[in-house]
Amino acid sequence: MAGPGRPLLSRRAWLGCWAAALGGQEGAPAVRAVTQGPKFHWFGYYDKLQFDPTGRYLLAMEVDFEHRSPAPEDVIRLGMVDLRQGDRWIPLAETRAWNWQQGAMLQWLPGSDRQVIYNDRQGGRYVSVILDVRSGRRRTLPGPIYALSPDARWAVAPDFRRLADTRPGYGYNGMPDPNRDLPAPEDAGIWRLDLRTGEYKLILSIAQVARTPSPPPNPAPDWTGAKHWFNHLLVAPDGRRFIFLHRWSAGGRRFFTRMFTANPDGTGLHLIDGFGGISHFIWRDPRHILSWASRPPLGGKFYLFEDRTDRVEPVGPHVMTSDGHCSYLPANRWILNDTYPDRERYQHLYLYDTLAGRKIPLGKFHSPAQYAGEWRCDLHPRFSPDGRYVTIDSPHQGGRQIYLLDIGPLLA
């Protein structure tokens, strides 16, 4: 299929590939594997910069095994794919701080075409490393990262030790949580890391947020006997606010969630949703957040929330009917989204046109039954800087690999 720097296929060839992708249904882009076995490759989350600013290089992670939790001694390789030179694999680094859902938080520094950042475990602590992919020079910072500011000056991160205990698949195995027996510790929470100076400090504690009430119309949470943690952070496009999820569980697999926004220093807390059913989200712009949530009276839908207000409205309530990893393409007309496996174990990739209120299928991808729980392989769709190309992680051809789709013809 076509990729950055490659000629487009003929219309007949495109239609044939579309039909193959959708089991005979025309109308979806061709799909090309850009990584190959026998090793397994993936990128992870949908809200990180996988493409460099030119759209030529894709970041990726490589591992030798699947279907088990990472052990502390397990190492993964980090690399990038050159889409203009036959999808050539370029090795970059190795790390011992990773998980199946989000890897090592590998991502391009915003605005840079030569520097990437990732997490590692060194000297008995989690750190982050800024790597110049051209010179090979590395700079190690004293804390891990999760979400970066758009000016690449600072980052925020939760406690990955606690996540390993409370939400396997999102924390790192290798260091025990010193607060494992505490429901809401004062010395754990969200840290801010200055990417220039290395200053690393706690800006929000779990205990502080657990003491923060849920004002009406949000119900008063009952977390008697519950254990609290933070997950899923994301900085606003203008860098003035960030989102985080406050989660708690009294045991078992069920947990509840509140969504907050805050200033970069942890002040200005605002409860976006306290009904307990918040899931995946994305900033549409510096004031609005799209998120899957379960709230009255409509129940589980995608909603558009306005930060620092109580204003909220459903988005595509009769079209986007299930949770997924959502993001806006440039200009915010199109929402790129996916689904979890259906009854036949197919994960669906699609676009939602916010102007026309319609869904455009991009493909369906089979996920074998062994891809479940902590080591499931969600599609986690990402897009190129110009919005024309989409990548996904998928095991539909045997073992997780990264695939590229050209959606440009559908956006014209």
Protein backbone atom coordinates (compact mmCIF):
# COMPACT_ATOMS: atom_id res chain seq x y z
CA MET A 1 0.00 0.00 0.00
CA ALA A 2 1.00 3.61 -0.09
CA GLY A 3 3.00 5.06 2.73
CA PRO A 4 4.92 8.26 3.29
CA GLY A 5 7.15 8.78 0.29
CA ARG A 6 5.57 5.93 -1.70
CA PRO A 7 3.34 6.08 -4.79
CA LEU A 8 -0.36 5.50 -4.37
CA LEU A 9 -1.88 2.27 -5.62
CA SER A 10 -4.36 2.34 -8.47
CA ARG A 11 -8.01 2.75 -7.50
CA ARG A 12 -8.68 -0.89 -8.41
CA ALA A 13 -5.81 -2.08 -6.24
CA TRP A 14 -7.01 0.10 -3.38
CA LEU A 15 -10.52 -1.32 -3.61
CA GLY A 16 -9.16 -4.84 -3.58
CA CYS A 17 -7.13 -4.15 -0.45
CA TRP A 18 -10.11 -2.45 1.19
CA ALA A 19 -12.26 -5.50 0.53
CA ALA A 20 -9.62 -7.78 2.00
CA ALA A 21 -9.35 -5.62 5.11
CA LEU A 22 -13.08 -5.71 5.75
CA GLY A 23 -13.84 -9.25 4.71
CA GLY A 24 -15.25 -8.27 1.31
CA GLN A 25 -16.64 -4.86 2.23
CA GLU A 26 -15.34 -1.98 0.18
CA GLY A 27 -14.68 1.42 1.70
CA ALA A 28 -11.73 0.98 4.09
CA PRO A 29 -8.02 1.67 3.55
CA ALA A 30 -5.41 -0.93 2.75
CA VAL A 31 -3.40 -2.20 5.69
CA ARG A 32 0.37 -2.75 5.60
CA ALA A 33 2.52 -4.38 8.26
CA VAL A 34 5.50 -2.13 8.96
CA THR A 35 7.10 -4.52 11.47
CA GLN A 36 7.73 -8.23 11.00
CA GLY A 37 8.28 -11.38 13.05
CA PRO A 38 9.65 -13.53 14.46
CA LYS A 39 9.97 -10.90 17.17
CA PHE A 40 6.89 -8.99 18.37
CA HIS A 41 6.43 -5.24 17.99
CA TRP A 42 4.05 -2.61 19.31
CA PHE A 43 3.92 1.04 20.34
CA GLY A 44 1.27 1.28 23.03
CA TYR A 45 -0.96 4.17 23.88
CA TYR A 46 -2.94 6.33 21.50
CA ASP A 47 -2.08 9.73 23.03
CA LYS A 48 1.70 9.65 22.50
CA LEU A 49 3.77 10.95 19.58
CA GLN A 50 4.77 7.85 17.60
CA PHE A 51 5.47 9.69 14.30
CA ASP A 52 8.32 12.17 14.05
CA PRO A 53 7.34 15.65 12.73
CA THR A 54 8.20 14.66 9.13
CA GLY A 55 6.01 11.53 9.20
CA ARG A 56 8.97 9.39 8.11
CA TYR A 57 9.98 7.62 11.32
CA LEU A 58 7.78 5.52 13.61
CA LEU A 59 8.82 4.64 17.14
CA ALA A 60 8.28 1.05 18.22
CA MET A 61 9.19 -1.54 20.86
CA GLU A 62 10.41 -5.09 20.30
CA VAL A 63 10.19 -8.15 22.54
CA ASP A 64 10.81 -11.89 22.26
CA PHE A 65 7.75 -13.24 24.09
CA GLU A 66 4.04 -12.68 24.72
CA HIS A 67 1.22 -13.88 27.03
CA ARG A 68 2.81 -13.35 30.42
CA SER A 69 3.64 -10.52 32.77
CA PRO A 70 7.02 -8.85 32.35
CA ALA A 71 9.55 -10.04 34.90
CA PRO A 72 11.93 -7.50 36.47
CA GLU A 73 14.81 -8.85 34.40
CA ASP A 74 12.94 -8.76 31.07
CA VAL A 75 14.44 -6.25 28.64
CA ILE A 76 12.71 -4.78 25.60
CA ARG A 77 14.40 -3.10 22.68
CA LEU A 78 13.36 0.35 21.48
CA GLY A 79 13.68 1.36 17.86
CA MET A 80 12.17 3.24 14.96
CA VAL A 81 10.89 2.25 11.54
CA ASP A 82 11.99 4.17 8.45
CA LEU A 83 8.88 4.29 6.27
CA ARG A 84 10.84 5.65 3.30
CA GLN A 85 13.43 2.87 3.27
CA GLY A 86 11.40 -0.31 3.14
CA ASP A 87 10.25 -0.10 6.77
CA ARG A 88 13.84 -0.55 7.93
CA TRP A 89 14.20 -1.22 11.67
CA ILE A 90 16.66 1.13 13.40
CA PRO A 91 17.65 0.02 16.93
CA LEU A 92 17.85 2.78 19.54
CA ALA A 93 18.02 1.52 23.13
CA GLU A 94 16.93 -1.05 25.70
CA THR A 95 14.87 -0.65 28.87
CA ARG A 96 13.79 -2.55 31.97
CA ALA A 97 10.78 -0.34 32.76
CA TRP A 98 7.86 -1.33 30.60
CA ASN A 99 4.40 -2.89 30.44
CA TRP A 100 2.15 -4.37 27.76
CA GLN A 101 -0.32 -1.50 27.49
CA GLN A 102 2.01 1.49 27.27
CA GLY A 103 5.45 0.04 26.81
CA ALA A 104 8.16 2.32 28.23
CA MET A 105 6.31 5.59 27.46
CA LEU A 106 8.55 5.90 24.39
CA GLN A 107 7.64 9.05 22.44
CA TRP A 108 9.10 11.95 20.48
CA LEU A 109 9.74 15.12 22.39
CA PRO A 110 7.14 17.57 21.06
CA GLY A 111 8.53 19.61 18.17
CA SER A 112 11.74 17.58 17.86
CA ASP A 113 12.79 15.47 14.89
CA ARG A 114 15.78 13.95 16.70
CA GLN A 115 15.03 13.54 20.42
CA VAL A 116 12.89 10.86 22.02
CA ILE A 117 12.19 10.09 25.66
CA TYR A 118 11.45 6.82 27.46
CA ASN A 119 11.42 5.30 30.94
CA ASP A 120 14.01 2.93 32.37
CA ARG A 121 15.03 1.35 35.68
CA GLN A 122 18.52 2.25 36.81
CA GLY A 123 20.24 2.04 40.18
CA GLY A 124 17.13 0.91 42.02
CA ARG A 125 14.84 3.66 40.77
CA TYR A 126 12.70 4.54 37.79
CA VAL A 127 14.14 7.25 35.56
CA SER A 128 13.55 8.73 32.13
CA VAL A 129 16.08 9.04 29.34
CA ILE A 130 16.22 11.64 26.58
CA LEU A 131 17.95 10.14 23.54
CA ASP A 132 19.21 11.91 20.43
CA VAL A 133 18.44 9.36 17.70
CA ARG A 134 21.07 10.86 15.37
CA SER A 135 24.06 11.28 17.66
CA GLY A 136 23.19 8.59 20.21
CA ARG A 137 23.74 11.01 23.10
CA ARG A 138 21.68 10.25 26.22
CA ARG A 139 20.64 12.32 29.22
CA THR A 140 19.13 10.58 32.25
CA LEU A 141 16.57 12.39 34.41
CA PRO A 142 15.81 11.45 38.05
CA GLY A 143 12.18 10.40 37.56
CA PRO A 144 9.92 8.66 35.03
CA ILE A 145 7.48 10.40 32.71
CA TYR A 146 3.93 9.73 31.59
CA ALA A 147 2.64 12.86 29.80
CA LEU A 148 4.72 15.69 28.32
CA SER A 149 3.96 19.38 28.07
CA PRO A 150 3.57 20.64 24.47
CA ASP A 151 6.70 22.79 24.84
CA ALA A 152 8.73 19.76 25.99
CA ARG A 153 9.79 21.54 29.19
CA TRP A 154 8.12 19.37 31.81
CA ALA A 155 6.30 16.11 32.36
CA VAL A 156 3.97 14.53 34.92
CA ALA A 157 3.84 10.93 36.08
CA PRO A 158 2.03 8.74 38.63
CA ASP A 159 3.64 6.16 40.90
CA PHE A 160 4.46 3.23 38.61
CA ARG A 161 5.23 1.03 41.63
CA ARG A 162 1.67 1.47 42.90
CA LEU A 163 0.23 0.93 39.42
CA ALA A 164 2.03 -2.42 39.17
CA ASP A 165 0.12 -3.48 42.28
CA THR A 166 -3.29 -1.90 41.61
CA ARG A 167 -3.54 -2.07 37.79
CA PRO A 168 -1.27 -4.71 36.24
CA GLY A 169 -0.41 -3.83 32.67
CA TYR A 170 0.14 -0.14 33.45
CA GLY A 171 2.82 -0.19 36.16
CA TYR A 172 6.35 -1.57 36.03
CA ASN A 173 7.52 -4.79 37.68
CA GLY A 174 10.82 -4.54 39.46
CA MET A 175 10.30 -2.31 42.49
CA PRO A 176 7.73 -2.99 45.25
CA ASP A 177 5.26 -0.31 46.32
CA PRO A 178 6.42 0.92 49.75
CA ASN A 179 2.84 2.05 50.42
CA ARG A 180 1.19 -1.17 49.40
CA ASP A 181 -0.73 -1.49 52.66
CA LEU A 182 -1.83 2.16 52.80
CA PRO A 183 -5.16 3.06 51.19
CA ALA A 184 -4.22 6.68 50.38
CA PRO A 185 -0.59 7.61 51.09
CA GLU A 186 0.60 11.18 51.61
CA ASP A 187 3.98 10.63 49.93
CA ALA A 188 2.77 9.14 46.64
CA GLY A 189 0.72 10.59 43.82
CA ILE A 190 1.65 12.74 40.81
CA TRP A 191 5.17 14.03 40.30
CA ARG A 192 6.27 16.84 38.02
CA LEU A 193 9.65 16.53 36.29
CA ASP A 194 11.46 19.52 34.79
CA LEU A 195 13.03 18.16 31.60
CA ARG A 196 15.68 20.91 31.57
CA THR A 197 16.86 21.03 35.19
CA GLY A 198 15.84 17.57 36.39
CA GLU A 199 13.84 18.98 39.31
CA TYR A 200 11.46 16.24 40.40
CA LYS A 201 8.77 16.89 43.01
CA LEU A 202 5.43 15.59 44.24
CA ILE A 203 2.67 18.05 43.28
CA LEU A 204 -0.46 16.06 44.21
CA SER A 205 -0.70 13.31 46.79
CA ILE A 206 -3.17 10.44 46.67
CA ALA A 207 -4.28 11.37 50.18
CA GLN A 208 -5.04 14.96 49.13
CA VAL A 209 -7.25 13.89 46.24
CA ALA A 210 -8.95 11.20 48.34
CA ARG A 211 -9.94 13.99 50.74
CA THR A 212 -11.39 16.10 47.91
CA PRO A 213 -15.20 15.81 47.90
CA SER A 214 -17.44 15.29 44.88
CA PRO A 215 -19.83 18.26 44.70
CA PRO A 216 -23.37 17.81 43.29
CA PRO A 217 -24.55 16.58 40.87
CA ASN A 218 -21.76 14.01 41.30
CA PRO A 219 -22.66 11.34 43.86
CA ALA A 220 -20.71 11.17 47.09
CA PRO A 221 -18.28 8.28 46.62
CA ASP A 222 -18.27 5.44 49.10
CA TRP A 223 -14.72 4.13 49.25
CA THR A 224 -14.83 2.47 52.63
CA GLY A 225 -11.96 0.00 52.73
CA ALA A 226 -10.79 1.06 49.26
CA LYS A 227 -7.29 1.49 47.93
CA HIS A 228 -6.60 4.59 45.80
CA TRP A 229 -4.27 5.30 42.89
CA PHE A 230 -3.76 7.61 39.91
CA ASN A 231 -3.58 6.69 36.23
CA HIS A 232 -3.85 8.18 32.73
CA LEU A 233 -2.42 11.68 32.70
CA LEU A 234 -2.51 14.04 29.71
CA VAL A 235 -1.43 17.68 29.35
CA ALA A 236 -3.73 20.15 27.55
CA PRO A 237 -2.67 21.40 24.08
CA ASP A 238 -1.67 24.80 25.50
CA GLY A 239 0.14 23.34 28.51
CA ARG A 240 -1.95 25.20 31.06
CA ARG A 241 -3.84 22.23 32.54
CA PHE A 242 -3.51 18.48 32.78
CA ILE A 243 -5.94 15.61 33.32
CA PHE A 244 -5.57 12.66 35.62
CA LEU A 245 -7.81 9.81 36.74
CA HIS A 246 -8.35 9.08 40.43
CA ARG A 247 -9.26 5.42 40.87
CA TRP A 248 -10.14 3.24 43.84
CA SER A 249 -11.12 -0.34 44.51
CA ALA A 250 -12.14 -2.31 47.56
CA GLY A 251 -10.71 -5.48 46.04
CA GLY A 252 -11.40 -7.66 43.04
CA ARG A 253 -11.39 -6.48 39.46
CA ARG A 254 -13.97 -3.72 39.80
CA PHE A 255 -12.78 -0.17 40.30
CA PHE A 256 -14.31 3.31 40.15
CA THR A 257 -12.96 6.49 38.61
CA ARG A 258 -13.11 10.25 39.01
CA MET A 259 -11.57 12.62 36.45
CA PHE A 260 -9.79 15.79 37.56
CA THR A 261 -7.93 18.60 35.85
CA ALA A 262 -5.26 20.71 37.53
CA ASN A 263 -2.70 23.42 36.89
CA PRO A 264 0.87 22.34 36.07
CA ASP A 265 1.88 22.83 39.72
CA GLY A 266 -1.01 20.74 41.07
CA THR A 267 -3.18 23.66 42.16
CA GLY A 268 -6.62 24.55 40.76
CA LEU A 269 -8.17 21.09 41.09
CA HIS A 270 -11.43 20.74 39.17
CA LEU A 271 -13.63 17.63 39.19
CA ILE A 272 -14.71 16.89 35.61
CA ASP A 273 -16.75 13.78 36.38
CA GLY A 274 -17.40 11.92 39.62
CA PHE A 275 -19.99 9.33 38.59
CA GLY A 276 -17.39 6.55 38.71
CA GLY A 277 -17.45 5.34 35.10
CA ILE A 278 -14.87 7.52 33.32
CA SER A 279 -12.59 5.76 30.85
CA HIS A 280 -10.55 6.83 27.79
CA PHE A 281 -10.29 10.51 26.97
CA ILE A 282 -8.52 13.12 24.84
CA TRP A 283 -8.23 16.91 24.84
CA ARG A 284 -10.10 18.38 21.85
CA ASP A 285 -8.67 21.82 22.56
CA PRO A 286 -7.38 23.64 25.67
CA ARG A 287 -10.89 23.82 27.19
CA HIS A 288 -12.72 20.69 26.04
CA ILE A 289 -12.22 17.00 26.81
CA LEU A 290 -13.81 14.08 24.97
CA SER A 291 -14.24 11.04 27.21
CA TRP A 292 -16.18 7.82 27.52
CA ALA A 293 -18.22 7.99 30.70
CA SER A 294 -21.23 6.42 32.35
CA ARG A 295 -23.48 9.13 33.76
CA PRO A 296 -27.21 9.80 34.02
CA PRO A 297 -29.49 9.91 32.20
CA LEU A 298 -27.89 8.42 29.06
CA GLY A 299 -25.45 6.00 30.67
CA GLY A 300 -22.33 4.89 28.81
CA LYS A 301 -21.56 7.34 25.97
CA PHE A 302 -18.85 9.64 24.72
CA TYR A 303 -19.23 13.11 26.24
CA LEU A 304 -17.60 16.46 25.60
CA PHE A 305 -16.74 18.17 28.90
CA GLU A 306 -15.77 21.82 29.28
CA ASP A 307 -12.98 22.29 31.79
CA ARG A 308 -13.66 24.38 34.92
CA THR A 309 -17.40 24.31 34.25
CA ASP A 310 -20.27 21.84 34.66
CA ARG A 311 -21.09 21.90 30.95
CA VAL A 312 -21.20 18.51 29.24
CA GLU A 313 -22.88 17.11 26.12
CA PRO A 314 -22.98 13.68 24.45
CA VAL A 315 -21.03 13.11 21.22
CA GLY A 316 -22.28 10.61 18.64
CA PRO A 317 -24.52 8.88 21.21
CA HIS A 318 -26.19 6.66 18.60
CA VAL A 319 -23.05 6.02 16.54
CA MET A 320 -20.09 5.72 18.91
CA THR A 321 -21.80 3.28 21.22
CA SER A 322 -18.87 1.58 22.96
CA ASP A 323 -15.72 2.59 24.75
CA GLY A 324 -12.58 3.11 22.70
CA HIS A 325 -9.23 4.88 22.41
CA CYS A 326 -10.33 8.19 20.94
CA SER A 327 -8.40 11.09 19.43
CA TYR A 328 -9.12 14.06 17.17
CA LEU A 329 -7.39 14.37 13.83
CA PRO A 330 -5.96 17.83 13.02
CA ALA A 331 -8.69 20.52 12.70
CA ASN A 332 -10.95 18.48 15.06
CA ARG A 333 -13.55 17.42 12.50
CA TRP A 334 -12.72 13.71 12.61
CA ILE A 335 -12.51 11.46 15.65
CA LEU A 336 -10.31 8.39 15.25
CA ASN A 337 -11.47 5.52 17.45
CA ASP A 338 -11.47 1.77 17.99
CA THR A 339 -13.37 -0.85 19.96
CA TYR A 340 -12.57 -3.75 22.21
CA PRO A 341 -13.08 -7.24 20.72
CA ASP A 342 -16.69 -8.10 19.88
CA ARG A 343 -18.26 -11.54 20.33
CA GLU A 344 -16.28 -12.86 17.38
CA ARG A 345 -13.09 -11.29 18.76
CA TYR A 346 -12.90 -8.54 16.11
CA GLN A 347 -11.64 -5.09 17.05
CA HIS A 348 -13.13 -2.35 14.90
CA LEU A 349 -11.29 0.75 13.72
CA TYR A 350 -13.27 3.74 12.48
CA LEU A 351 -13.57 7.47 11.91
CA TYR A 352 -16.45 9.54 13.24
CA ASP A 353 -17.37 12.67 11.27
CA THR A 354 -18.47 15.24 13.85
CA LEU A 355 -20.06 17.43 11.16
CA ALA A 356 -22.12 14.74 9.43
CA GLY A 357 -22.64 12.57 12.51
CA ARG A 358 -21.61 9.41 10.65
CA LYS A 359 -19.14 6.58 11.13
CA ILE A 360 -16.66 5.44 8.47
CA PRO A 361 -15.28 1.92 9.06
CA LEU A 362 -11.54 1.59 8.54
CA GLY A 363 -11.16 -2.12 9.21
CA LYS A 364 -11.77 -4.99 11.59
CA PHE A 365 -8.94 -7.00 13.09
CA HIS A 366 -9.18 -10.36 14.80
CA SER A 367 -7.72 -10.66 18.28
CA PRO A 368 -7.14 -14.30 19.33
CA ALA A 369 -8.54 -15.30 22.70
CA GLN A 370 -5.13 -15.52 24.37
CA TYR A 371 -4.75 -11.75 23.95
CA ALA A 372 -6.72 -10.85 27.04
CA GLY A 373 -6.29 -9.14 30.38
CA GLU A 374 -2.91 -7.60 31.13
CA TRP A 375 -1.29 -8.68 27.84
CA ARG A 376 -4.19 -7.91 25.52
CA CYS A 377 -3.30 -6.05 22.34
CA ASP A 378 -5.63 -3.09 21.82
CA LEU A 379 -5.46 -1.27 18.49
CA HIS A 380 -4.61 2.06 20.18
CA PRO A 381 -4.83 4.03 16.91
CA ARG A 382 -2.32 6.85 16.37
CA PHE A 383 -2.03 9.29 13.47
CA SER A 384 0.70 11.12 11.56
CA PRO A 385 1.25 14.88 12.02
CA ASP A 386 -0.85 15.66 8.94
CA GLY A 387 -3.59 13.19 9.92
CA ARG A 388 -3.27 11.17 6.72
CA TYR A 389 -1.71 8.00 8.12
CA VAL A 390 -2.88 5.83 11.00
CA THR A 391 -0.98 3.13 12.84
CA ILE A 392 -2.35 0.36 15.03
CA ASP A 393 -1.01 -2.53 17.10
CA SER A 394 -2.68 -5.81 16.23
CA PRO A 395 -2.12 -9.59 16.53
CA HIS A 396 -4.50 -10.50 13.68
CA GLN A 397 -1.77 -12.09 11.53
CA GLY A 398 -0.15 -14.02 14.37
CA GLY A 399 1.76 -12.10 17.04
CA ARG A 400 1.46 -8.38 17.73
CA GLN A 401 2.87 -6.13 15.03
CA ILE A 402 2.40 -2.53 13.89
CA TYR A 403 0.27 -1.75 10.84
CA LEU A 404 -0.08 1.39 8.73
CA LEU A 405 -3.20 2.68 6.97
CA ASP A 406 -3.48 5.57 4.52
CA ILE A 407 -6.79 7.31 5.25
CA GLY A 408 -6.09 10.36 3.08
CA PRO A 409 -8.60 9.43 0.33
CA LEU A 410 -11.37 9.24 2.94
CA LEU A 411 -10.69 12.72 4.28
CA ALA A 412 -10.81 14.55 0.95
